[in-house]
Amino acid sequence: MRVFVVLACFVLAACSSVYNLPPVIAPDQEAAAKAAKKASNEEKLVGSVEVSAVQEDHLVSPGPYILCIRGAVSGTAPLRTYAVFFKNNDDVGTRMSVIIDSCETQAFTPLGTGPFPLPDKAKGA
C-alpha cells in the first residue's frame, strides 16, 4: 500500500511544473535609479550617495536582482552599504548589506547628493 502512496506522490509532483512561470527580467536604469533614491531616503543617507550596477542575486534573497547603495547617515559617520532587491522593475525590499550580497566587491558610481527630493504625487510622478 505504501508503494502506491509514494507512486501517487511522484505522479502529482510531476504534474506541478515551474516551467510555466513568467520570466523575471532585470530592472531598467530608470527603475533602478528611482528605487536607489527611495532606499537612500528611507535609510536617511546624506551627502554623496553611490550606487553599484544591477546584478543577479543569490537564491535566498528577497528578489532575483540586487543593487547596492552606499552613503553616510550623518556628515561624519562612516559609509554604510545597503542592498536593494528587485523583481522586474519593482523594488521588493531594502536591507543593510550582508556578506552574501557581495556589495563590498562592487564598483560604485555617484548617484547624487542625498536626501533626494520626493516625487510630486500631484503631477503623477
PDB file of N, CA and C in Angstrom:
ATOM      1  N   MET A   1       0.824  -1.194   0.000  1.00  0.00           N
ATOM      2  CA  MET A   1       0.000   0.000   0.000  1.00  0.00           C
ATOM      3  C   MET A   1       0.869   1.260   0.000  1.00  0.00           C
ATOM      4  N   ARG A   2       1.981   1.251   0.750  1.00  0.00           N
ATOM      5  CA  ARG A   2       2.864   2.412   0.798  1.00  0.00           C
ATOM      6  C   ARG A   2       3.460   2.713  -0.580  1.00  0.00           C
ATOM      7  N   VAL A   3       3.680   1.678  -1.345  1.00  0.00           N
ATOM      8  CA  VAL A   3       4.246   1.862  -2.682  1.00  0.00           C
ATOM      9  C   VAL A   3       3.309   2.701  -3.542  1.00  0.00           C
ATOM     10  N   PHE A   4       2.000   2.454  -3.432  1.00  0.00           N
ATOM     11  CA  PHE A   4       1.033   3.213  -4.212  1.00  0.00           C
ATOM     12  C   PHE A   4       0.960   4.671  -3.755  1.00  0.00           C
ATOM     13  N   VAL A   5       1.076   4.907  -2.444  1.00  0.00           N
ATOM     14  CA  VAL A   5       1.060   6.276  -1.925  1.00  0.00           C
ATOM     15  C   VAL A   5       2.288   7.040  -2.417  1.00  0.00           C
ATOM     16  N   VAL A   6       3.449   6.405  -2.352  1.00  0.00           N
ATOM     17  CA  VAL A   6       4.680   7.042  -2.831  1.00  0.00           C
ATOM     18  C   VAL A   6       4.593   7.294  -4.332  1.00  0.00           C
ATOM     19  N   LEU A   7       4.089   6.322  -5.079  1.00  0.00           N
ATOM     20  CA  LEU A   7       3.930   6.475  -6.518  1.00  0.00           C
ATOM     21  C   LEU A   7       2.974   7.622  -6.841  1.00  0.00           C
ATOM     22  N   ALA A   8       1.883   7.714  -6.094  1.00  0.00           N
ATOM     23  CA  ALA A   8       0.925   8.801  -6.304  1.00  0.00           C
ATOM     24  C   ALA A   8       1.574  10.158  -6.025  1.00  0.00           C
ATOM     25  N   CYS A   9       2.416  10.234  -5.008  1.00  0.00           N
ATOM     26  CA  CYS A   9       3.109  11.488  -4.702  1.00  0.00           C
ATOM     27  C   CYS A   9       4.039  11.891  -5.835  1.00  0.00           C
ATOM     28  N   PHE A  10       4.761  10.937  -6.408  1.00  0.00           N
ATOM     29  CA  PHE A  10       5.648  11.241  -7.524  1.00  0.00           C
ATOM     30  C   PHE A  10       4.868  11.704  -8.750  1.00  0.00           C
ATOM     31  N   VAL A  11       3.726  11.068  -9.004  1.00  0.00           N
ATOM     32  CA  VAL A  11       2.907  11.450 -10.156  1.00  0.00           C
ATOM     33  C   VAL A  11       2.369  12.863  -9.972  1.00  0.00           C
ATOM     34  N   LEU A  12       1.884  13.183  -8.788  1.00  0.00           N
ATOM     35  CA  LEU A  12       1.369  14.526  -8.529  1.00  0.00           C
ATOM     36  C   LEU A  12       2.478  15.568  -8.585  1.00  0.00           C
ATOM     37  N   ALA A  13       3.659  15.227  -8.097  1.00  0.00           N
ATOM     38  CA  ALA A  13       4.783  16.159  -8.150  1.00  0.00           C
ATOM     39  C   ALA A  13       5.201  16.433  -9.586  1.00  0.00           C
ATOM     40  N   ALA A  14       5.092  15.445 -10.435  1.00  0.00           N
ATOM     41  CA  ALA A  14       5.455  15.627 -11.839  1.00  0.00           C
ATOM     42  C   ALA A  14       4.469  16.534 -12.558  1.00  0.00           C
ATOM     43  N   CYS A  15       3.235  16.600 -12.078  1.00  0.00           N
ATOM     44  CA  CYS A  15       2.230  17.444 -12.722  1.00  0.00           C
ATOM     45  C   CYS A  15       2.424  18.920 -12.395  1.00  0.00           C
ATOM     46  N   SER A  16       3.032  19.218 -11.270  1.00  0.00           N
ATOM     47  CA  SER A  16       3.274  20.614 -10.924  1.00  0.00           C
ATOM     48  C   SER A  16       4.603  21.037 -11.521  1.00  0.00           C
ATOM     49  N   SER A  17       4.546  22.038 -12.369  1.00  0.00           N
ATOM     50  CA  SER A  17       5.741  22.450 -13.103  1.00  0.00           C
ATOM     51  C   SER A  17       6.064  23.900 -12.830  1.00  0.00           C
ATOM     52  N   VAL A  18       7.343  24.207 -12.668  1.00  0.00           N
ATOM     53  CA  VAL A  18       7.775  25.584 -12.512  1.00  0.00           C
ATOM     54  C   VAL A  18       8.166  26.188 -13.852  1.00  0.00           C
ATOM     55  N   TYR A  19       8.082  25.443 -14.910  1.00  0.00           N
ATOM     56  CA  TYR A  19       8.491  25.926 -16.214  1.00  0.00           C
ATOM     57  C   TYR A  19       7.472  26.874 -16.834  1.00  0.00           C
ATOM     58  N   ASN A  20       6.290  26.973 -16.271  1.00  0.00           N
ATOM     59  CA  ASN A  20       5.267  27.853 -16.817  1.00  0.00           C
ATOM     60  C   ASN A  20       5.273  29.233 -16.163  1.00  0.00           C
ATOM     61  N   LEU A  21       6.246  29.503 -15.294  1.00  0.00           N
ATOM     62  CA  LEU A  21       6.318  30.799 -14.642  1.00  0.00           C
ATOM     63  C   LEU A  21       6.794  31.858 -15.636  1.00  0.00           C
ATOM     64  N   PRO A  22       6.275  33.086 -15.513  1.00  0.00           N
ATOM     65  CA  PRO A  22       6.741  34.140 -16.421  1.00  0.00           C
ATOM     66  C   PRO A  22       8.211  34.465 -16.127  1.00  0.00           C
ATOM     67  N   PRO A  23       8.957  34.860 -17.146  1.00  0.00           N
ATOM     68  CA  PRO A  23      10.376  35.159 -16.922  1.00  0.00           C
ATOM     69  C   PRO A  23      10.550  36.418 -16.078  1.00  0.00           C
ATOM     70  N   VAL A  24      11.579  36.442 -15.281  1.00  0.00           N
ATOM     71  CA  VAL A  24      11.912  37.603 -14.472  1.00  0.00           C
ATOM     72  C   VAL A  24      13.056  38.321 -15.171  1.00  0.00           C
ATOM     73  N   ILE A  25      12.896  39.631 -15.365  1.00  0.00           N
ATOM     74  CA  ILE A  25      13.920  40.401 -16.062  1.00  0.00           C
ATOM     75  C   ILE A  25      14.547  41.413 -15.112  1.00  0.00           C
ATOM     76  N   ALA A  26      15.730  41.865 -15.450  1.00  0.00           N
ATOM     77  CA  ALA A  26      16.424  42.872 -14.649  1.00  0.00           C
ATOM     78  C   ALA A  26      15.700  44.210 -14.773  1.00  0.00           C
ATOM     79  N   PRO A  27      15.739  45.021 -13.716  1.00  0.00           N
ATOM     80  CA  PRO A  27      15.094  46.332 -13.799  1.00  0.00           C
ATOM     81  C   PRO A  27      15.840  47.240 -14.775  1.00  0.00           C
ATOM     82  N   ASP A  28      15.112  48.164 -15.394  1.00  0.00           N
ATOM     83  CA  ASP A  28      15.768  49.115 -16.294  1.00  0.00           C
ATOM     84  C   ASP A  28      16.452  50.206 -15.465  1.00  0.00           C
ATOM     85  N   GLN A  29      17.236  51.039 -16.124  1.00  0.00           N
ATOM     86  CA  GLN A  29      18.038  52.073 -15.446  1.00  0.00           C
ATOM     87  C   GLN A  29      17.156  53.042 -14.660  1.00  0.00           C
ATOM     88  N   GLU A  30      16.046  53.444 -15.248  1.00  0.00           N
ATOM     89  CA  GLU A  30      15.169  54.411 -14.586  1.00  0.00           C
ATOM     90  C   GLU A  30      14.575  53.839 -13.297  1.00  0.00           C
ATOM     91  N   ALA A  31      14.090  52.611 -13.344  1.00  0.00           N
ATOM     92  CA  ALA A  31      13.513  51.975 -12.156  1.00  0.00           C
ATOM     93  C   ALA A  31      14.580  51.751 -11.094  1.00  0.00           C
ATOM     94  N   ALA A  32      15.785  51.380 -11.509  1.00  0.00           N
ATOM     95  CA  ALA A  32      16.872  51.151 -10.555  1.00  0.00           C
ATOM     96  C   ALA A  32      17.273  52.444  -9.857  1.00  0.00           C
ATOM     97  N   ALA A  33      17.392  53.533 -10.607  1.00  0.00           N
ATOM     98  CA  ALA A  33      17.767  54.822 -10.014  1.00  0.00           C
ATOM     99  C   ALA A  33      16.682  55.324  -9.069  1.00  0.00           C
ATOM    100  N   LYS A  34      15.419  55.166  -9.465  1.00  0.00           N
ATOM    101  CA  LYS A  34      14.302  55.602  -8.611  1.00  0.00           C
ATOM    102  C   LYS A  34      14.287  54.814  -7.297  1.00  0.00           C
ATOM    103  N   ALA A  35      14.478  53.503  -7.382  1.00  0.00           N
ATOM    104  CA  ALA A  35      14.495  52.672  -6.176  1.00  0.00           C
ATOM    105  C   ALA A  35      15.706  52.989  -5.299  1.00  0.00           C
ATOM    106  N   ALA A  36      16.851  53.277  -5.911  1.00  0.00           N
ATOM    107  CA  ALA A  36      18.048  53.622  -5.142  1.00  0.00           C
ATOM    108  C   ALA A  36      17.837  54.928  -4.379  1.00  0.00           C
ATOM    109  N   LYS A  37      17.225  55.910  -5.009  1.00  0.00           N
ATOM    110  CA  LYS A  37      16.953  57.181  -4.328  1.00  0.00           C
ATOM    111  C   LYS A  37      15.935  56.997  -3.210  1.00  0.00           C
ATOM    112  N   LYS A  38      14.919  56.191  -3.469  1.00  0.00           N
ATOM    113  CA  LYS A  38      13.908  55.911  -2.441  1.00  0.00           C
ATOM    114  C   LYS A  38      14.546  55.218  -1.239  1.00  0.00           C
ATOM    115  N   ALA A  39      15.387  54.211  -1.498  1.00  0.00           N
ATOM    116  CA  ALA A  39      16.061  53.499  -0.410  1.00  0.00           C
ATOM    117  C   ALA A  39      17.006  54.420   0.341  1.00  0.00           C
ATOM    118  N   SER A  40      17.688  55.295  -0.381  1.00  0.00           N
ATOM    119  CA  SER A  40      18.591  56.253   0.245  1.00  0.00           C
ATOM    120  C   SER A  40      17.834  57.160   1.208  1.00  0.00           C
ATOM    121  N   ASN A  41      16.672  57.634   0.788  1.00  0.00           N
ATOM    122  CA  ASN A  41      15.847  58.474   1.669  1.00  0.00           C
ATOM    123  C   ASN A  41      15.335  57.690   2.867  1.00  0.00           C
ATOM    124  N   GLU A  42      14.905  56.446   2.645  1.00  0.00           N
ATOM    125  CA  GLU A  42      14.385  55.630   3.746  1.00  0.00           C
ATOM    126  C   GLU A  42      15.462  55.359   4.797  1.00  0.00           C
ATOM    127  N   GLU A  43      16.708  55.179   4.340  1.00  0.00           N
ATOM    128  CA  GLU A  43      17.811  54.894   5.265  1.00  0.00           C
ATOM    129  C   GLU A  43      18.475  56.168   5.776  1.00  0.00           C
ATOM    130  N   LYS A  44      17.949  57.329   5.357  1.00  0.00           N
ATOM    131  CA  LYS A  44      18.410  58.648   5.806  1.00  0.00           C
ATOM    132  C   LYS A  44      19.880  58.915   5.476  1.00  0.00           C
ATOM    133  N   LEU A  45      20.273  58.536   4.252  1.00  0.00           N
ATOM    134  CA  LEU A  45      21.638  58.798   3.803  1.00  0.00           C
ATOM    135  C   LEU A  45      21.747  60.256   3.376  1.00  0.00           C
ATOM    136  N   VAL A  46      22.847  60.909   3.771  1.00  0.00           N
ATOM    137  CA  VAL A  46      23.078  62.305   3.414  1.00  0.00           C
ATOM    138  C   VAL A  46      24.423  62.423   2.725  1.00  0.00           C
ATOM    139  N   GLY A  47      24.599  63.530   2.029  1.00  0.00           N
ATOM    140  CA  GLY A  47      25.857  63.738   1.321  1.00  0.00           C
ATOM    141  C   GLY A  47      25.908  62.883   0.072  1.00  0.00           C
ATOM    142  N   SER A  48      27.114  62.559  -0.342  1.00  0.00           N
ATOM    143  CA  SER A  48      27.317  61.800  -1.572  1.00  0.00           C
ATOM    144  C   SER A  48      26.830  60.358  -1.406  1.00  0.00           C
ATOM    145  N   VAL A  49      25.944  59.940  -2.286  1.00  0.00           N
ATOM    146  CA  VAL A  49      25.420  58.574  -2.295  1.00  0.00           C
ATOM    147  C   VAL A  49      25.930  57.899  -3.563  1.00  0.00           C
ATOM    148  N   GLU A  50      26.407  56.670  -3.417  1.00  0.00           N
ATOM    149  CA  GLU A  50      26.948  55.910  -4.541  1.00  0.00           C
ATOM    150  C   GLU A  50      26.104  54.676  -4.781  1.00  0.00           C
ATOM    151  N   VAL A  51      26.135  54.191  -6.017  1.00  0.00           N
ATOM    152  CA  VAL A  51      25.311  53.055  -6.409  1.00  0.00           C
ATOM    153  C   VAL A  51      26.141  52.097  -7.272  1.00  0.00           C
ATOM    154  N   SER A  52      25.839  50.809  -7.150  1.00  0.00           N
ATOM    155  CA  SER A  52      26.508  49.804  -7.987  1.00  0.00           C
ATOM    156  C   SER A  52      25.613  49.475  -9.179  1.00  0.00           C
ATOM    157  N   ALA A  53      26.114  48.656 -10.051  1.00  0.00           N
ATOM    158  CA  ALA A  53      25.306  48.169 -11.168  1.00  0.00           C
ATOM    159  C   ALA A  53      24.341  47.096 -10.655  1.00  0.00           C
ATOM    160  N   VAL A  54      23.251  46.909 -11.369  1.00  0.00           N
ATOM    161  CA  VAL A  54      22.295  45.852 -11.043  1.00  0.00           C
ATOM    162  C   VAL A  54      22.919  44.517 -11.441  1.00  0.00           C
ATOM    163  N   GLN A  55      22.767  43.526 -10.577  1.00  0.00           N
ATOM    164  CA  GLN A  55      23.310  42.201 -10.869  1.00  0.00           C
ATOM    165  C   GLN A  55      22.347  41.134 -10.381  1.00  0.00           C
ATOM    166  N   GLU A  56      22.512  39.918 -10.888  1.00  0.00           N
ATOM    167  CA  GLU A  56      21.693  38.804 -10.396  1.00  0.00           C
ATOM    168  C   GLU A  56      22.108  38.498  -8.973  1.00  0.00           C
ATOM    169  N   ASP A  57      21.137  38.091  -8.172  1.00  0.00           N
ATOM    170  CA  ASP A  57      21.407  37.823  -6.766  1.00  0.00           C
ATOM    171  C   ASP A  57      21.335  36.335  -6.479  1.00  0.00           C
ATOM    172  N   HIS A  58      21.690  35.967  -5.273  1.00  0.00           N
ATOM    173  CA  HIS A  58      21.684  34.576  -4.843  1.00  0.00           C
ATOM    174  C   HIS A  58      20.251  34.087  -4.624  1.00  0.00           C
ATOM    175  N   LEU A  59      20.087  32.806  -4.499  1.00  0.00           N
ATOM    176  CA  LEU A  59      18.752  32.203  -4.440  1.00  0.00           C
ATOM    177  C   LEU A  59      17.960  32.522  -3.184  1.00  0.00           C
ATOM    178  N   VAL A  60      18.613  32.849  -2.086  1.00  0.00           N
ATOM    179  CA  VAL A  60      17.886  33.063  -0.837  1.00  0.00           C
ATOM    180  C   VAL A  60      17.600  34.537  -0.565  1.00  0.00           C
ATOM    181  N   SER A  61      17.720  35.370  -1.562  1.00  0.00           N
ATOM    182  CA  SER A  61      17.476  36.801  -1.371  1.00  0.00           C
ATOM    183  C   SER A  61      15.996  37.120  -1.590  1.00  0.00           C
ATOM    184  N   PRO A  62      15.566  38.310  -1.164  1.00  0.00           N
ATOM    185  CA  PRO A  62      14.170  38.697  -1.371  1.00  0.00           C
ATOM    186  C   PRO A  62      13.769  38.887  -2.833  1.00  0.00           C
ATOM    187  N   GLY A  63      14.731  39.106  -3.709  1.00  0.00           N
ATOM    188  CA  GLY A  63      14.441  39.283  -5.127  1.00  0.00           C
ATOM    189  C   GLY A  63      15.567  38.732  -5.978  1.00  0.00           C
ATOM    190  N   PRO A  64      15.305  38.471  -7.252  1.00  0.00           N
ATOM    191  CA  PRO A  64      16.328  37.863  -8.101  1.00  0.00           C
ATOM    192  C   PRO A  64      17.426  38.833  -8.555  1.00  0.00           C
ATOM    193  N   TYR A  65      17.231  40.148  -8.390  1.00  0.00           N
ATOM    194  CA  TYR A  65      18.246  41.125  -8.772  1.00  0.00           C
ATOM    195  C   TYR A  65      18.539  42.048  -7.596  1.00  0.00           C
ATOM    196  N   ILE A  66      19.780  42.530  -7.544  1.00  0.00           N
ATOM    197  CA  ILE A  66      20.228  43.360  -6.431  1.00  0.00           C
ATOM    198  C   ILE A  66      20.985  44.573  -6.951  1.00  0.00           C
ATOM    199  N   LEU A  67      20.864  45.661  -6.204  1.00  0.00           N
ATOM    200  CA  LEU A  67      21.594  46.891  -6.457  1.00  0.00           C
ATOM    201  C   LEU A  67      22.120  47.338  -5.098  1.00  0.00           C
ATOM    202  N   CYS A  68      23.368  47.712  -5.008  1.00  0.00           N
ATOM    203  CA  CYS A  68      23.958  48.151  -3.742  1.00  0.00           C
ATOM    204  C   CYS A  68      24.061  49.672  -3.738  1.00  0.00           C
ATOM    205  N   ILE A  69      23.731  50.278  -2.599  1.00  0.00           N
ATOM    206  CA  ILE A  69      23.918  51.723  -2.421  1.00  0.00           C
ATOM    207  C   ILE A  69      24.803  51.939  -1.210  1.00  0.00           C
ATOM    208  N   ARG A  70      25.531  53.053  -1.225  1.00  0.00           N
ATOM    209  CA  ARG A  70      26.470  53.334  -0.138  1.00  0.00           C
ATOM    210  C   ARG A  70      26.438  54.824   0.147  1.00  0.00           C
ATOM    211  N   GLY A  71      26.391  55.157   1.438  1.00  0.00           N
ATOM    212  CA  GLY A  71      26.390  56.556   1.852  1.00  0.00           C
ATOM    213  C   GLY A  71      26.500  56.653   3.355  1.00  0.00           C
ATOM    214  N   ALA A  72      26.543  57.888   3.853  1.00  0.00           N
ATOM    215  CA  ALA A  72      26.675  58.143   5.286  1.00  0.00           C
ATOM    216  C   ALA A  72      25.337  58.599   5.857  1.00  0.00           C
ATOM    217  N   VAL A  73      25.097  58.248   7.118  1.00  0.00           N
ATOM    218  CA  VAL A  73      23.871  58.661   7.785  1.00  0.00           C
ATOM    219  C   VAL A  73      23.991  60.099   8.282  1.00  0.00           C
ATOM    220  N   SER A  74      25.193  60.510   8.663  1.00  0.00           N
ATOM    221  CA  SER A  74      25.459  61.904   9.007  1.00  0.00           C
ATOM    222  C   SER A  74      26.769  62.297   8.343  1.00  0.00           C
ATOM    223  N   GLY A  75      27.091  63.574   8.359  1.00  0.00           N
ATOM    224  CA  GLY A  75      28.254  64.065   7.637  1.00  0.00           C
ATOM    225  C   GLY A  75      29.581  63.436   8.039  1.00  0.00           C
ATOM    226  N   THR A  76      29.712  63.004   9.288  1.00  0.00           N
ATOM    227  CA  THR A  76      30.995  62.476   9.760  1.00  0.00           C
ATOM    228  C   THR A  76      30.975  60.966   9.979  1.00  0.00           C
ATOM    229  N   ALA A  77      29.843  60.346   9.775  1.00  0.00           N
ATOM    230  CA  ALA A  77      29.714  58.904  10.022  1.00  0.00           C
ATOM    231  C   ALA A  77      30.413  58.110   8.917  1.00  0.00           C
ATOM    232  N   PRO A  78      30.846  56.881   9.227  1.00  0.00           N
ATOM    233  CA  PRO A  78      31.410  56.032   8.171  1.00  0.00           C
ATOM    234  C   PRO A  78      30.323  55.636   7.173  1.00  0.00           C
ATOM    235  N   LEU A  79      30.756  55.258   5.986  1.00  0.00           N
ATOM    236  CA  LEU A  79      29.809  54.852   4.952  1.00  0.00           C
ATOM    237  C   LEU A  79      29.110  53.560   5.329  1.00  0.00           C
ATOM    238  N   ARG A  80      27.837  53.495   5.033  1.00  0.00           N
ATOM    239  CA  ARG A  80      27.060  52.271   5.227  1.00  0.00           C
ATOM    240  C   ARG A  80      26.616  51.768   3.860  1.00  0.00           C
ATOM    241  N   THR A  81      26.527  50.459   3.738  1.00  0.00           N
ATOM    242  CA  THR A  81      26.137  49.854   2.462  1.00  0.00           C
ATOM    243  C   THR A  81      24.816  49.121   2.637  1.00  0.00           C
ATOM    244  N   TYR A  82      23.907  49.338   1.697  1.00  0.00           N
ATOM    245  CA  TYR A  82      22.593  48.721   1.720  1.00  0.00           C
ATOM    246  C   TYR A  82      22.358  47.977   0.412  1.00  0.00           C
ATOM    247  N   ALA A  83      21.533  46.954   0.477  1.00  0.00           N
ATOM    248  CA  ALA A  83      21.156  46.167  -0.690  1.00  0.00           C
ATOM    249  C   ALA A  83      19.689  46.443  -1.011  1.00  0.00           C
ATOM    250  N   VAL A  84      19.414  46.740  -2.276  1.00  0.00           N
ATOM    251  CA  VAL A  84      18.056  46.970  -2.764  1.00  0.00           C
ATOM    252  C   VAL A  84      17.729  45.817  -3.699  1.00  0.00           C
ATOM    253  N   PHE A  85      16.607  45.148  -3.462  1.00  0.00           N
ATOM    254  CA  PHE A  85      16.247  43.950  -4.217  1.00  0.00           C
ATOM    255  C   PHE A  85      15.114  44.243  -5.194  1.00  0.00           C
ATOM    256  N   PHE A  86      15.178  43.590  -6.359  1.00  0.00           N
ATOM    257  CA  PHE A  86      14.215  43.818  -7.430  1.00  0.00           C
ATOM    258  C   PHE A  86      13.636  42.521  -7.943  1.00  0.00           C
ATOM    259  N   LYS A  87      12.400  42.626  -8.418  1.00  0.00           N
ATOM    260  CA  LYS A  87      11.770  41.604  -9.238  1.00  0.00           C
ATOM    261  C   LYS A  87      11.140  42.373 -10.386  1.00  0.00           C
ATOM    262  N   ASN A  88      11.703  42.199 -11.579  1.00  0.00           N
ATOM    263  CA  ASN A  88      11.366  43.015 -12.746  1.00  0.00           C
ATOM    264  C   ASN A  88      11.687  44.472 -12.422  1.00  0.00           C
ATOM    265  N   ASN A  89      10.779  45.414 -12.618  1.00  0.00           N
ATOM    266  CA  ASN A  89      11.054  46.820 -12.298  1.00  0.00           C
ATOM    267  C   ASN A  89      10.585  47.220 -10.911  1.00  0.00           C
ATOM    268  N   ASP A  90      10.134  46.276 -10.121  1.00  0.00           N
ATOM    269  CA  ASP A  90       9.616  46.568  -8.792  1.00  0.00           C
ATOM    270  C   ASP A  90      10.681  46.307  -7.736  1.00  0.00           C
ATOM    271  N   ASP A  91      10.897  47.291  -6.852  1.00  0.00           N
ATOM    272  CA  ASP A  91      11.790  47.030  -5.734  1.00  0.00           C
ATOM    273  C   ASP A  91      10.995  46.304  -4.654  1.00  0.00           C
ATOM    274  N   VAL A  92      11.552  45.213  -4.164  1.00  0.00           N
ATOM    275  CA  VAL A  92      10.824  44.357  -3.232  1.00  0.00           C
ATOM    276  C   VAL A  92      11.400  44.406  -1.825  1.00  0.00           C
ATOM    277  N   GLY A  93      12.408  45.237  -1.606  1.00  0.00           N
ATOM    278  CA  GLY A  93      12.931  45.352  -0.259  1.00  0.00           C
ATOM    279  C   GLY A  93      14.323  45.947  -0.217  1.00  0.00           C
ATOM    280  N   THR A  94      14.652  46.477   0.947  1.00  0.00           N
ATOM    281  CA  THR A  94      15.966  47.056   1.201  1.00  0.00           C
ATOM    282  C   THR A  94      16.416  46.592   2.578  1.00  0.00           C
ATOM    283  N   ARG A  95      17.707  46.318   2.684  1.00  0.00           N
ATOM    284  CA  ARG A  95      18.270  45.968   3.992  1.00  0.00           C
ATOM    285  C   ARG A  95      19.743  46.352   3.989  1.00  0.00           C
ATOM    286  N   MET A  96      20.325  46.428   5.185  1.00  0.00           N
ATOM    287  CA  MET A  96      21.759  46.636   5.276  1.00  0.00           C
ATOM    288  C   MET A  96      22.422  45.416   4.637  1.00  0.00           C
ATOM    289  N   SER A  97      23.427  45.632   3.818  1.00  0.00           N
ATOM    290  CA  SER A  97      24.013  44.514   3.078  1.00  0.00           C
ATOM    291  C   SER A  97      24.713  43.540   4.019  1.00  0.00           C
ATOM    292  N   VAL A  98      24.715  42.290   3.622  1.00  0.00           N
ATOM    293  CA  VAL A  98      25.391  41.229   4.355  1.00  0.00           C
ATOM    294  C   VAL A  98      26.427  40.599   3.422  1.00  0.00           C
ATOM    295  N   ILE A  99      27.257  39.743   3.943  1.00  0.00           N
ATOM    296  CA  ILE A  99      28.370  39.185   3.179  1.00  0.00           C
ATOM    297  C   ILE A  99      27.903  38.519   1.893  1.00  0.00           C
ATOM    298  N   ILE A 100      26.814  37.777   1.940  1.00  0.00           N
ATOM    299  CA  ILE A 100      26.362  37.033   0.764  1.00  0.00           C
ATOM    300  C   ILE A 100      25.913  37.955  -0.376  1.00  0.00           C
ATOM    301  N   ASP A 101      25.600  39.220  -0.071  1.00  0.00           N
ATOM    302  CA  ASP A 101      25.201  40.174  -1.105  1.00  0.00           C
ATOM    303  C   ASP A 101      26.385  40.625  -1.960  1.00  0.00           C
ATOM    304  N   SER A 102      27.599  40.487  -1.462  1.00  0.00           N
ATOM    305  CA  SER A 102      28.838  40.867  -2.169  1.00  0.00           C
ATOM    306  C   SER A 102      28.893  42.342  -2.545  1.00  0.00           C
ATOM    307  N   CYS A 103      28.249  43.199  -1.782  1.00  0.00           N
ATOM    308  CA  CYS A 103      28.274  44.631  -2.084  1.00  0.00           C
ATOM    309  C   CYS A 103      29.674  45.219  -1.920  1.00  0.00           C
ATOM    310  N   GLU A 104      30.467  44.678  -1.012  1.00  0.00           N
ATOM    311  CA  GLU A 104      31.796  45.238  -0.779  1.00  0.00           C
ATOM    312  C   GLU A 104      32.739  45.022  -1.954  1.00  0.00           C
ATOM    313  N   THR A 105      32.415  44.130  -2.871  1.00  0.00           N
ATOM    314  CA  THR A 105      33.269  43.874  -4.035  1.00  0.00           C
ATOM    315  C   THR A 105      32.797  44.629  -5.279  1.00  0.00           C
ATOM    316  N   GLN A 106      31.721  45.374  -5.177  1.00  0.00           N
ATOM    317  CA  GLN A 106      31.151  46.068  -6.333  1.00  0.00           C
ATOM    318  C   GLN A 106      31.858  47.397  -6.600  1.00  0.00           C
ATOM    319  N   ALA A 107      31.834  47.805  -7.847  1.00  0.00           N
ATOM    320  CA  ALA A 107      32.306  49.135  -8.235  1.00  0.00           C
ATOM    321  C   ALA A 107      31.125  50.096  -8.099  1.00  0.00           C
ATOM    322  N   PHE A 108      31.350  51.220  -7.451  1.00  0.00           N
ATOM    323  CA  PHE A 108      30.290  52.195  -7.209  1.00  0.00           C
ATOM    324  C   PHE A 108      30.498  53.440  -8.057  1.00  0.00           C
ATOM    325  N   THR A 109      29.387  54.040  -8.472  1.00  0.00           N
ATOM    326  CA  THR A 109      29.402  55.307  -9.191  1.00  0.00           C
ATOM    327  C   THR A 109      28.500  56.280  -8.441  1.00  0.00           C
ATOM    328  N   PRO A 110      28.752  57.585  -8.567  1.00  0.00           N
ATOM    329  CA  PRO A 110      27.919  58.559  -7.849  1.00  0.00           C
ATOM    330  C   PRO A 110      26.464  58.544  -8.327  1.00  0.00           C
ATOM    331  N   LEU A 111      25.550  58.621  -7.378  1.00  0.00           N
ATOM    332  CA  LEU A 111      24.117  58.715  -7.683  1.00  0.00           C
ATOM    333  C   LEU A 111      23.659  60.159  -7.530  1.00  0.00           C
ATOM    334  N   GLY A 112      24.239  60.862  -6.578  1.00  0.00           N
ATOM    335  CA  GLY A 112      23.864  62.242  -6.308  1.00  0.00           C
ATOM    336  C   GLY A 112      24.049  62.531  -4.840  1.00  0.00           C
ATOM    337  N   THR A 113      23.463  63.629  -4.396  1.00  0.00           N
ATOM    338  CA  THR A 113      23.587  64.056  -3.005  1.00  0.00           C
ATOM    339  C   THR A 113      22.248  63.874  -2.314  1.00  0.00           C
ATOM    340  N   GLY A 114      22.252  63.090  -1.249  1.00  0.00           N
ATOM    341  CA  GLY A 114      21.034  62.828  -0.505  1.00  0.00           C
ATOM    342  C   GLY A 114      20.845  63.849   0.594  1.00  0.00           C
ATOM    343  N   PRO A 115      19.664  64.014   1.103  1.00  0.00           N
ATOM    344  CA  PRO A 115      18.448  63.305   0.711  1.00  0.00           C
ATOM    345  C   PRO A 115      17.918  63.807  -0.632  1.00  0.00           C
ATOM    346  N   PHE A 116      17.271  62.902  -1.339  1.00  0.00           N
ATOM    347  CA  PHE A 116      16.763  63.201  -2.671  1.00  0.00           C
ATOM    348  C   PHE A 116      15.351  63.747  -2.572  1.00  0.00           C
ATOM    349  N   PRO A 117      14.968  64.658  -3.487  1.00  0.00           N
ATOM    350  CA  PRO A 117      13.601  65.195  -3.448  1.00  0.00           C
ATOM    351  C   PRO A 117      12.578  64.096  -3.731  1.00  0.00           C
ATOM    352  N   LEU A 118      11.484  64.159  -3.024  1.00  0.00           N
ATOM    353  CA  LEU A 118      10.402  63.195  -3.222  1.00  0.00           C
ATOM    354  C   LEU A 118       9.640  63.543  -4.499  1.00  0.00           C
ATOM    355  N   PRO A 119       9.141  62.512  -5.213  1.00  0.00           N
ATOM    356  CA  PRO A 119       8.355  62.807  -6.419  1.00  0.00           C
ATOM    357  C   PRO A 119       7.052  63.505  -6.043  1.00  0.00           C
ATOM    358  N   ASP A 120       6.642  64.420  -6.885  1.00  0.00           N
ATOM    359  CA  ASP A 120       5.400  65.154  -6.661  1.00  0.00           C
ATOM    360  C   ASP A 120       4.229  64.278  -7.093  1.00  0.00           C
ATOM    361  N   LYS A 121       3.425  63.821  -6.135  1.00  0.00           N
ATOM    362  CA  LYS A 121       2.316  62.921  -6.433  1.00  0.00           C
ATOM    363  C   LYS A 121       1.206  63.632  -7.203  1.00  0.00           C
ATOM    364  N   ALA A 122       1.120  64.951  -7.080  1.00  0.00           N
ATOM    365  CA  ALA A 122       0.073  65.684  -7.793  1.00  0.00           C
ATOM    366  C   ALA A 122       0.322  65.659  -9.294  1.00  0.00           C
ATOM    367  N   LYS A 123       1.582  65.548  -9.701  1.00  0.00           N
ATOM    368  CA  LYS A 123       1.905  65.510 -11.121  1.00  0.00           C
ATOM    369  C   LYS A 123       1.870  64.097 -11.675  1.00  0.00           C
ATOM    370  N   GLY A 124       1.618  63.104 -10.819  1.00  0.00           N
ATOM    371  CA  GLY A 124       1.532  61.729 -11.276  1.00  0.00           C
ATOM    372  C   GLY A 124       2.893  61.066 -11.415  1.00  0.00           C
ATOM    373  N   ALA A 125       3.917  61.637 -10.800  1.00  0.00           N
ATOM    374  CA  ALA A 125       5.266  61.051 -10.877  1.00  0.00           C
ATOM    375  C   ALA A 125       5.529  60.092  -9.770  1.00  0.00           C
TER     376      ALA A 125
END
